[in-house]
C-alpha atoms as a PDB file:
ATOM      1  CA  MET A   1     -20.356  -9.274 -20.616  1.00  0.00           C
ATOM      2  CA  LEU A   2     -21.024  -6.180 -22.685  1.00  0.00           C
ATOM      3  CA  THR A   3     -20.126  -3.634 -19.964  1.00  0.00           C
ATOM      4  CA  GLY A   4     -16.597  -5.015 -19.658  1.00  0.00           C
ATOM      5  CA  ILE A   5     -16.110  -4.954 -23.420  1.00  0.00           C
ATOM      6  CA  LEU A   6     -17.394  -1.367 -23.654  1.00  0.00           C
ATOM      7  CA  LEU A   7     -15.095  -0.297 -20.811  1.00  0.00           C
ATOM      8  CA  ALA A   8     -12.119  -2.050 -22.415  1.00  0.00           C
ATOM      9  CA  ASN A   9     -12.712  -0.205 -25.677  1.00  0.00           C
ATOM     10  CA  SER A  10     -13.244   3.162 -23.916  1.00  0.00           C
ATOM     11  CA  THR A  11     -16.834   3.356 -25.152  1.00  0.00           C
ATOM     12  CA  LEU A  12     -17.961   3.734 -21.545  1.00  0.00           C
ATOM     13  CA  PRO A  13     -16.016   5.776 -18.966  1.00  0.00           C
ATOM     14  CA  PRO A  14     -14.879   3.844 -15.842  1.00  0.00           C
ATOM     15  CA  PRO A  15     -16.834   6.118 -13.437  1.00  0.00           C
ATOM     16  CA  ILE A  16     -19.986   4.480 -14.806  1.00  0.00           C
ATOM     17  CA  ILE A  17     -19.329   1.545 -12.486  1.00  0.00           C
ATOM     18  CA  THR A  18     -19.900   3.687  -9.370  1.00  0.00           C
ATOM     19  CA  GLY A  19     -23.450   2.354  -9.466  1.00  0.00           C
ATOM     20  CA  LEU A  20     -22.000  -0.925  -8.184  1.00  0.00           C
ATOM     21  CA  PHE A  21     -21.344   0.760  -4.839  1.00  0.00           C
ATOM     22  CA  THR A  22     -25.033   1.407  -4.145  1.00  0.00           C
ATOM     23  CA  GLU A  23     -25.936  -0.075  -0.766  1.00  0.00           C
ATOM     24  CA  SER A  24     -28.868  -2.201  -1.945  1.00  0.00           C
ATOM     25  CA  VAL A  25     -26.896  -3.707  -4.830  1.00  0.00           C
ATOM     26  CA  VAL A  26     -23.926  -4.417  -2.555  1.00  0.00           C
ATOM     27  CA  LYS A  27     -26.144  -5.914   0.158  1.00  0.00           C
ATOM     28  CA  GLU A  28     -27.721  -8.389  -2.273  1.00  0.00           C
ATOM     29  CA  GLY A  29     -24.291  -9.540  -3.500  1.00  0.00           C
ATOM     30  CA  ILE A  30     -24.996  -8.299  -7.009  1.00  0.00           C
ATOM     31  CA  SER A  31     -22.087  -5.835  -7.030  1.00  0.00           C
ATOM     32  CA  ALA A  32     -19.341  -8.395  -6.491  1.00  0.00           C
ATOM     33  CA  LEU A  33     -20.898 -10.877  -8.914  1.00  0.00           C
ATOM     34  CA  PHE A  34     -21.354  -8.230 -11.618  1.00  0.00           C
ATOM     35  CA  ALA A  35     -17.831  -6.862 -11.013  1.00  0.00           C
ATOM     36  CA  VAL A  36     -16.276 -10.302 -11.487  1.00  0.00           C
ATOM     37  CA  ARG A  37     -18.072 -10.845 -14.794  1.00  0.00           C
ATOM     38  CA  MET A  38     -17.322  -7.312 -15.960  1.00  0.00           C
ATOM     39  CA  PHE A  39     -13.612  -7.511 -15.047  1.00  0.00           C
ATOM     40  CA  LYS A  40     -13.268 -10.916 -16.710  1.00  0.00           C
ATOM     41  CA  SER A  41     -14.650  -9.655 -20.009  1.00  0.00           C
ATOM     42  CA  TRP A  42     -12.625  -6.442 -19.731  1.00  0.00           C
ATOM     43  CA  ILE A  43      -9.407  -8.425 -19.193  1.00  0.00           C
ATOM     44  CA  ALA A  44     -10.314 -10.820 -22.019  1.00  0.00           C
ATOM     45  CA  GLU A  45     -10.782  -7.843 -24.351  1.00  0.00           C
ATOM     46  CA  LYS A  46      -7.630  -5.954 -23.231  1.00  0.00           C
ATOM     47  CA  ASP A  47      -5.558  -6.991 -20.199  1.00  0.00           C
ATOM     48  CA  ALA A  48      -5.372  -6.611 -16.413  1.00  0.00           C
ATOM     49  CA  ASN A  49      -3.174  -3.514 -16.700  1.00  0.00           C
ATOM     50  CA  SER A  50      -5.928  -1.786 -18.657  1.00  0.00           C
ATOM     51  CA  VAL A  51      -8.373  -2.483 -15.830  1.00  0.00           C
ATOM     52  CA  THR A  52      -6.091  -1.376 -13.005  1.00  0.00           C
ATOM     53  CA  SER A  53      -4.926   1.721 -14.865  1.00  0.00           C
ATOM     54  CA  SER A  54      -8.514   2.780 -15.574  1.00  0.00           C
ATOM     55  CA  LEU A  55      -9.537   2.151 -11.966  1.00  0.00           C
ATOM     56  CA  ARG A  56      -6.663   4.330 -10.745  1.00  0.00           C
ATOM     57  CA  LYS A  57      -7.465   7.158 -13.165  1.00  0.00           C
ATOM     58  CA  ALA A  58     -11.112   7.151 -12.085  1.00  0.00           C
ATOM     59  CA  ASN A  59     -10.122   6.992  -8.372  1.00  0.00           C
ATOM     60  CA  LEU A  60     -12.025   3.742  -8.028  1.00  0.00           C
ATOM     61  CA  ASP A  61      -8.975   1.727  -6.983  1.00  0.00           C
ATOM     62  CA  LYS A  62      -9.544   2.739  -3.355  1.00  0.00           C
ATOM     63  CA  ARG A  63     -13.184   1.678  -3.440  1.00  0.00           C
ATOM     64  CA  LEU A  64     -12.876  -1.964  -4.528  1.00  0.00           C
ATOM     65  CA  LEU A  65     -13.628  -3.301  -1.050  1.00  0.00           C
ATOM     66  CA  GLU A  66     -16.960  -1.467  -1.213  1.00  0.00           C
ATOM     67  CA  LEU A  67     -18.181  -4.132  -3.636  1.00  0.00           C
ATOM     68  CA  PHE A  68     -18.911  -6.183  -0.506  1.00  0.00           C
ATOM     69  CA  PRO A  69     -21.135  -5.528   2.526  1.00  0.00           C
ATOM     70  CA  ALA A  70     -19.415  -3.746   5.438  1.00  0.00           C
ATOM     71  CA  SER A  71     -18.912  -6.992   7.359  1.00  0.00           C
ATOM     72  CA  LYS A  72     -16.905  -8.420   4.440  1.00  0.00           C
ATOM     73  CA  GLN A  73     -14.948  -5.320   3.431  1.00  0.00           C
ATOM     74  CA  ASN A  74     -11.478  -6.678   4.059  1.00  0.00           C
ATOM     75  CA  VAL A  75      -8.547  -7.666   1.897  1.00  0.00           C
ATOM     76  CA  GLU A  76      -8.754 -11.339   2.852  1.00  0.00           C
ATOM     77  CA  HIS A  77     -12.382 -11.684   1.725  1.00  0.00           C
ATOM     78  CA  PHE A  78     -11.730  -9.722  -1.462  1.00  0.00           C
ATOM     79  CA  SER A  79      -8.687 -11.853  -2.299  1.00  0.00           C
ATOM     80  CA  LYS A  80     -10.489 -15.127  -1.666  1.00  0.00           C
ATOM     81  CA  TYR A  81     -13.519 -14.079  -3.734  1.00  0.00           C
ATOM     82  CA  PHE A  82     -11.529 -12.725  -6.684  1.00  0.00           C
ATOM     83  CA  ASN A  83      -8.920 -15.511  -6.632  1.00  0.00           C
ATOM     84  CA  GLU A  84     -11.677 -18.137  -6.741  1.00  0.00           C
ATOM     85  CA  ALA A  85     -13.198 -16.262  -9.672  1.00  0.00           C
ATOM     86  CA  GLY A  86      -9.882 -16.445 -11.544  1.00  0.00           C
ATOM     87  CA  LEU A  87      -9.021 -12.773 -11.079  1.00  0.00           C
ATOM     88  CA  LYS A  88      -5.788 -13.048  -9.111  1.00  0.00           C
ATOM     89  CA  GLU A  89      -4.497  -9.931 -10.902  1.00  0.00           C
ATOM     90  CA  LEU A  90      -7.125  -7.777  -9.179  1.00  0.00           C
ATOM     91  CA  SER A  91      -6.448  -9.429  -5.840  1.00  0.00           C
ATOM     92  CA  ASP A  92      -2.749  -8.638  -6.207  1.00  0.00           C
ATOM     93  CA  PHE A  93      -3.586  -5.101  -7.323  1.00  0.00           C
ATOM     94  CA  LEU A  94      -5.656  -4.509  -4.185  1.00  0.00           C
ATOM     95  CA  HIS A  95      -2.814  -5.760  -1.979  1.00  0.00           C
ATOM     96  CA  VAL A  96      -0.418  -3.312  -3.636  1.00  0.00           C
ATOM     97  CA  GLN A  97      -2.895  -0.436  -3.297  1.00  0.00           C
ATOM     98  CA  GLN A  98      -3.427  -1.227   0.389  1.00  0.00           C
ATOM     99  CA  SER A  99       0.332  -1.304   0.997  1.00  0.00           C
ATOM    100  CA  LEU A 100       0.820   2.032  -0.736  1.00  0.00           C
ATOM    101  CA  GLY A 101      -2.004   3.568   1.274  1.00  0.00           C
ATOM    102  CA  THR A 102      -0.543   2.292   4.527  1.00  0.00           C
ATOM    103  CA  ARG A 103       2.896   3.618   3.621  1.00  0.00           C
ATOM    104  CA  LYS A 104       1.516   7.062   2.742  1.00  0.00           C
ATOM    105  CA  GLU A 105      -0.481   7.169   5.967  1.00  0.00           C
ATOM    106  CA  LEU A 106       2.593   6.197   7.999  1.00  0.00           C
ATOM    107  CA  GLN A 107       4.644   8.902   6.268  1.00  0.00           C
ATOM    108  CA  ARG A 108       1.919  11.467   6.941  1.00  0.00           C
ATOM    109  CA  GLU A 109       1.756  10.445  10.593  1.00  0.00           C
ATOM    110  CA  LEU A 110       5.540  10.613  10.955  1.00  0.00           C
ATOM    111  CA  GLN A 111       5.668  14.052   9.351  1.00  0.00           C
ATOM    112  CA  GLU A 112       2.861  15.266  11.614  1.00  0.00           C
ATOM    113  CA  ARG A 113       4.615  14.030  14.761  1.00  0.00           C
ATOM    114  CA  LEU A 114       7.904  15.533  13.645  1.00  0.00           C
ATOM    115  CA  SER A 115       6.293  18.888  12.870  1.00  0.00           C
ATOM    116  CA  GLN A 116       4.965  18.868  16.441  1.00  0.00           C
ATOM    117  CA  GLN A 117       8.582  18.292  17.521  1.00  0.00           C
ATOM    118  CA  CYS A 118       7.721  15.193  19.524  1.00  0.00           C
ATOM    119  CA  PRO A 119      10.647  13.653  21.403  1.00  0.00           C
ATOM    120  CA  ILE A 120      12.209  10.776  19.474  1.00  0.00           C
ATOM    121  CA  ARG A 121      10.949   8.167  21.949  1.00  0.00           C
ATOM    122  CA  GLU A 122       7.342   9.309  21.419  1.00  0.00           C
ATOM    123  CA  VAL A 123       7.735   9.185  17.651  1.00  0.00           C
ATOM    124  CA  LYS A 124       9.145   5.647  17.787  1.00  0.00           C
ATOM    125  CA  THR A 125       6.687   4.258  20.354  1.00  0.00           C
ATOM    126  CA  ALA A 126       3.503   6.261  19.875  1.00  0.00           C
ATOM    127  CA  PRO A 127       0.455   4.139  19.060  1.00  0.00           C
ATOM    128  CA  SER A 128      -0.391   4.542  15.417  1.00  0.00           C
ATOM    129  CA  ALA A 129      -3.781   4.813  13.822  1.00  0.00           C
ATOM    130  CA  LEU A 130      -2.399   2.150  11.505  1.00  0.00           C
ATOM    131  CA  SER A 131      -1.606  -0.228  14.390  1.00  0.00           C
ATOM    132  CA  VAL A 132       2.000  -0.433  13.271  1.00  0.00           C
ATOM    133  CA  SER A 133       3.503  -3.459  14.966  1.00  0.00           C
ATOM    134  CA  GLN A 134       6.532  -3.520  17.228  1.00  0.00           C
ATOM    135  CA  THR A 135       8.353  -5.358  14.449  1.00  0.00           C
ATOM    136  CA  VAL A 136       8.196  -2.277  12.221  1.00  0.00           C
ATOM    137  CA  SER A 137       9.512  -0.222  15.114  1.00  0.00           C
ATOM    138  CA  ASP A 138      12.399  -2.679  15.510  1.00  0.00           C
ATOM    139  CA  VAL A 139      13.185  -2.646  11.800  1.00  0.00           C
ATOM    140  CA  LEU A 140      13.337   1.154  11.823  1.00  0.00           C
ATOM    141  CA  SER A 141      15.534   1.381  14.910  1.00  0.00           C
ATOM    142  CA  GLU A 142      19.144   2.450  14.637  1.00  0.00           C
ATOM    143  CA  GLU A 143      20.304  -0.698  16.387  1.00  0.00           C
ATOM    144  CA  ALA A 144      18.573  -2.989  13.907  1.00  0.00           C
ATOM    145  CA  ILE A 145      20.038  -1.162  10.907  1.00  0.00           C
ATOM    146  CA  LEU A 146      23.538  -1.124  12.393  1.00  0.00           C
ATOM    147  CA  LYS A 147      23.313  -4.817  13.341  1.00  0.00           C
ATOM    148  CA  TRP A 148      22.205  -5.767   9.835  1.00  0.00           C
ATOM    149  CA  TYR A 149      24.961  -3.636   8.321  1.00  0.00           C
ATOM    150  CA  LYS A 150      27.679  -5.232  10.468  1.00  0.00           C
ATOM    151  CA  ASP A 151      26.502  -8.874  10.488  1.00  0.00           C
ATOM    152  CA  SER A 152      27.343 -11.201   7.648  1.00  0.00           C
ATOM    153  CA  HIS A 153      24.669 -11.912   5.051  1.00  0.00           C
ATOM    154  CA  ALA A 154      24.545 -13.562   1.672  1.00  0.00           C
ATOM    155  CA  ALA A 155      27.109 -12.008  -0.645  1.00  0.00           C
ATOM    156  CA  LYS A 156      24.585 -11.494  -3.451  1.00  0.00           C
ATOM    157  CA  GLY A 157      23.550  -7.864  -3.333  1.00  0.00           C
ATOM    158  CA  LYS A 158      25.248  -7.128  -0.027  1.00  0.00           C
ATOM    159  CA  SER A 159      28.203  -5.250  -1.517  1.00  0.00           C
ATOM    160  CA  VAL A 160      25.869  -2.955  -3.464  1.00  0.00           C
ATOM    161  CA  PHE A 161      23.748  -2.347  -0.383  1.00  0.00           C
ATOM    162  CA  LEU A 162      26.785  -1.698   1.812  1.00  0.00           C
ATOM    163  CA  GLU A 163      28.184   0.838  -0.630  1.00  0.00           C
ATOM    164  CA  GLN A 164      24.847   2.658  -0.939  1.00  0.00           C
ATOM    165  CA  MET A 165      24.270   2.664   2.815  1.00  0.00           C
ATOM    166  CA  LYS A 166      27.810   3.612   3.865  1.00  0.00           C
ATOM    167  CA  LYS A 167      27.180   7.356   4.415  1.00  0.00           C
ATOM    168  CA  PHE A 168      23.841   6.707   6.104  1.00  0.00           C
ATOM    169  CA  VAL A 169      25.325   4.129   8.488  1.00  0.00           C
ATOM    170  CA  GLU A 170      28.238   6.450   9.295  1.00  0.00           C
ATOM    171  CA  TRP A 171      25.714   9.157  10.126  1.00  0.00           C
ATOM    172  CA  LEU A 172      23.793   6.739  12.354  1.00  0.00           C
ATOM    173  CA  GLN A 173      26.954   5.719  14.189  1.00  0.00           C
ATOM    174  CA  ASN A 174      27.971   9.332  14.796  1.00  0.00           C
ATOM    175  CA  ALA A 175      24.553  10.862  15.425  1.00  0.00           C
ATOM    176  CA  GLU A 176      23.709  12.095  18.880  1.00  0.00           C
ATOM    177  CA  GLU A 177      20.435  11.016  20.483  1.00  0.00           C
ATOM    178  CA  GLY A 178      19.016  14.526  20.111  1.00  0.00           C
ATOM    179  CA  ASN A 179      19.672  14.581  16.352  1.00  0.00           C
ATOM    180  CA  ASN A 180      17.615  11.488  15.567  1.00  0.00           C
ATOM    181  CA  HIS A 181      14.786  13.574  14.154  1.00  0.00           C
ATOM    182  CA  GLU A 182      16.832  13.679  10.959  1.00  0.00           C
ATOM    183  CA  PHE A 183      16.570   9.884  10.763  1.00  0.00           C
ATOM    184  CA  PHE A 184      12.796  10.079  10.784  1.00  0.00           C
ATOM    185  CA  TYR A 185      12.810  12.878   8.223  1.00  0.00           C
ATOM    186  CA  PHE A 186      14.799  10.484   6.031  1.00  0.00           C
ATOM    187  CA  LEU A 187      12.185   7.768   6.555  1.00  0.00           C
ATOM    188  CA  SER A 188       9.330  10.120   5.789  1.00  0.00           C
ATOM    189  CA  GLY A 189      10.829  11.031   2.425  1.00  0.00           C
ATOM    190  CA  ALA A 190      12.316  14.390   3.381  1.00  0.00           C
ATOM    191  CA  SER A 191      15.968  15.035   2.695  1.00  0.00           C
ATOM    192  CA  LEU A 192      18.738  14.815   5.233  1.00  0.00           C
ATOM    193  CA  SER A 193      20.604  18.056   5.733  1.00  0.00           C
END
């Protein structure tokens, strides 16, 4: 397909594909079909990294789900459609982008709650706009980290982890309940003082 080849060779700028997000074209299924053909020829001309890099630079990486009607705008449908078309690279790319977006949103939410000086229990148990599961809450709890640190695990990699985590675990063991905000600052990317 000529569009993919022109995009691969930088003859056309990636923002040109924003026309694929037009409601009528999406509704008819033309967007997804055209995108598959375009991405295949683009990858054949260059490689998948060229496609994903260009999508990121043009801020189109966050819009890939919009190639489908609203009722089908989910990662599962996208993955199935693109995997069946032989474009697993784009399916994997979308999964990574979604994970990064979720992580950034969780960090933003944590920072917001901490700036409001919410009690630690509210920060750990507050319902999230992201619907963060109880499992994540358990993984982030002091008890879970301390248990993992103390229990025996496979030797491969454990010694490196234990050495890197030593100061953090000591801080957790000695921290008072009221000082746990520092733990969440650590999780949100801020530095511990």
